[in-house]
Protein backbone atom coordinates (compact mmCIF):
# COMPACT_ATOMS: atom_id res chain seq x y z
CA MET A 1 11.21 -34.47 21.19
CA LYS A 2 10.72 -37.76 19.33
CA LEU A 3 10.99 -36.02 15.94
CA ILE A 4 14.25 -34.27 16.81
CA LEU A 5 15.74 -37.45 18.26
CA SER A 6 14.71 -39.37 15.15
CA TRP A 7 16.30 -36.73 12.92
CA VAL A 8 19.59 -36.81 14.86
CA LEU A 9 19.67 -40.62 14.89
CA HIS A 10 19.03 -40.77 11.14
CA ALA A 11 21.93 -38.35 10.65
CA VAL A 12 24.13 -40.62 12.78
CA ALA A 13 22.96 -43.58 10.67
CA LEU A 14 23.98 -41.68 7.54
CA LEU A 15 27.43 -41.05 9.01
CA ALA A 16 27.71 -44.73 9.95
CA LEU A 17 26.72 -45.69 6.40
CA ALA A 18 29.41 -43.40 5.00
CA HIS A 19 32.01 -45.09 7.21
CA LEU A 20 30.84 -48.59 6.34
CA TYR A 21 30.44 -48.13 2.58
CA ASN A 22 32.79 -46.23 0.25
CA GLY A 23 30.07 -45.41 -2.29
CA VAL A 24 28.48 -42.87 0.08
CA GLU A 25 30.39 -39.85 1.40
CA VAL A 26 29.28 -37.36 4.07
CA SER A 27 31.55 -34.45 4.94
CA GLY A 28 30.45 -34.04 8.56
CA PHE A 29 27.66 -34.15 11.10
CA GLY A 30 26.09 -30.90 9.85
CA ALA A 31 25.96 -32.24 6.32
CA ALA A 32 24.47 -35.49 7.66
CA LEU A 33 21.75 -33.54 9.47
CA VAL A 34 20.87 -31.63 6.30
CA ALA A 35 21.00 -34.81 4.20
CA ALA A 36 18.75 -36.70 6.63
CA PHE A 37 16.29 -33.80 6.53
CA VAL A 38 16.28 -33.63 2.72
CA ILE A 39 15.92 -37.41 2.35
CA GLY A 40 13.01 -37.32 4.78
CA LEU A 41 11.45 -34.41 2.91
CA PHE A 42 11.79 -36.19 -0.43
CA ASN A 43 10.27 -39.34 1.07
CA LEU A 44 7.38 -37.29 2.45
CA ILE A 45 6.60 -35.20 -0.66
CA VAL A 46 8.09 -36.73 -3.84
CA ARG A 47 8.04 -40.47 -3.09
CA PRO A 48 4.23 -40.85 -2.79
CA ALA A 49 3.74 -39.21 -6.18
CA LEU A 50 6.35 -41.49 -7.76
CA VAL A 51 4.78 -44.55 -6.17
CA VAL A 52 1.39 -43.65 -7.65
CA LEU A 53 2.84 -42.80 -11.08
CA THR A 54 4.81 -46.05 -11.26
CA LEU A 55 2.10 -48.29 -9.83
CA PRO A 56 1.81 -50.48 -12.96
CA VAL A 57 5.58 -51.09 -13.03
CA THR A 58 5.60 -51.73 -9.28
CA PHE A 59 2.74 -54.21 -9.66
CA PHE A 60 4.46 -55.95 -12.58
CA THR A 61 7.74 -56.29 -10.64
CA LEU A 62 5.92 -57.48 -7.50
CA GLY A 63 6.99 -54.40 -5.55
CA LEU A 64 10.68 -54.57 -6.36
CA PHE A 65 10.50 -51.25 -8.22
CA LEU A 66 10.01 -49.57 -4.83
CA PHE A 67 13.71 -50.23 -4.20
CA VAL A 68 14.47 -48.21 -7.33
CA ILE A 69 12.28 -45.36 -6.09
CA ASN A 70 14.08 -45.38 -2.72
CA ALA A 71 17.43 -45.30 -4.51
CA LEU A 72 16.27 -42.38 -6.66
CA MET A 73 15.26 -40.40 -3.54
CA PHE A 74 18.65 -41.12 -1.97
CA TRP A 75 20.51 -40.20 -5.17
CA ALA A 76 18.44 -37.04 -5.70
CA ALA A 77 19.26 -35.83 -2.20
CA ALA A 78 22.95 -36.36 -2.92
CA GLY A 79 22.56 -34.52 -6.20
CA ILE A 80 21.37 -31.28 -4.62
CA LEU A 81 23.57 -31.25 -1.51
CA ASP A 82 27.26 -30.35 -1.33
CA GLY A 83 28.41 -32.36 1.70
CA PHE A 84 26.65 -35.58 0.69
CA GLN A 85 27.80 -37.58 -2.34
CA VAL A 86 26.77 -40.94 -3.80
CA GLN A 87 28.96 -42.62 -6.44
CA GLY A 88 26.29 -43.67 -8.94
CA PHE A 89 22.98 -45.49 -9.00
CA GLY A 90 24.35 -48.80 -7.71
CA ALA A 91 25.81 -47.05 -4.68
CA ALA A 92 22.50 -45.23 -4.20
CA LEU A 93 20.62 -48.54 -4.30
CA LEU A 94 22.87 -50.25 -1.76
CA GLY A 95 23.13 -47.11 0.36
CA SER A 96 19.36 -46.64 0.46
CA LEU A 97 18.88 -50.28 1.47
CA VAL A 98 21.33 -50.02 4.36
CA TYR A 99 19.99 -46.59 5.37
CA SER A 100 16.44 -48.01 5.37
CA ALA A 101 17.57 -50.91 7.56
CA PHE A 102 19.08 -48.41 10.00
CA GLY A 103 15.81 -46.47 9.85
CA VAL A 104 13.77 -49.54 10.79
CA VAL A 105 15.99 -50.12 13.83
CA ILE A 106 15.79 -46.44 14.84
CA ASP A 107 12.01 -46.28 14.45
CA SER A 108 11.59 -49.51 16.42
CA ALA A 109 13.77 -48.22 19.25
CA LEU A 110 11.94 -44.88 19.34
CA GLN A 111 8.60 -46.68 19.38
CA ARG A 112 9.72 -48.46 22.56
CA LEU A 113 11.05 -45.27 24.13
CA PHE A 114 7.98 -43.20 23.23
CA PRO A 115 4.96 -45.52 23.24
CA PRO A 116 1.83 -44.17 21.51
CA GLN A 117 -0.51 -42.25 23.81
CA ILE A 118 -4.15 -43.24 23.82
CA LEU A 119 -6.38 -40.23 24.36
């Protein structure tokens, strides 16, 4: 239940981002659901490998390169989906920052709604 609610709320956050910022476009709620799923999948599978491969650059930039990796995941998702567009790398960077901020709020709210169970 928590996973499905998180997925739906992240899709709503993506729609809100598209309404707040012109650099990100989402054609509808279905496209937002697919985009939220693909972004989550990229962050689960591709992002850890990129973080490890770019560890020296990330260390040298004091972690700021992680923002670039987040933007690349956001931009890559837009590149393979039809109903989700990002207008360049700058828009992907700003969009990924705002989307991540929404994600922190969503995850915090869900943590309060569904507290961890101690077995």
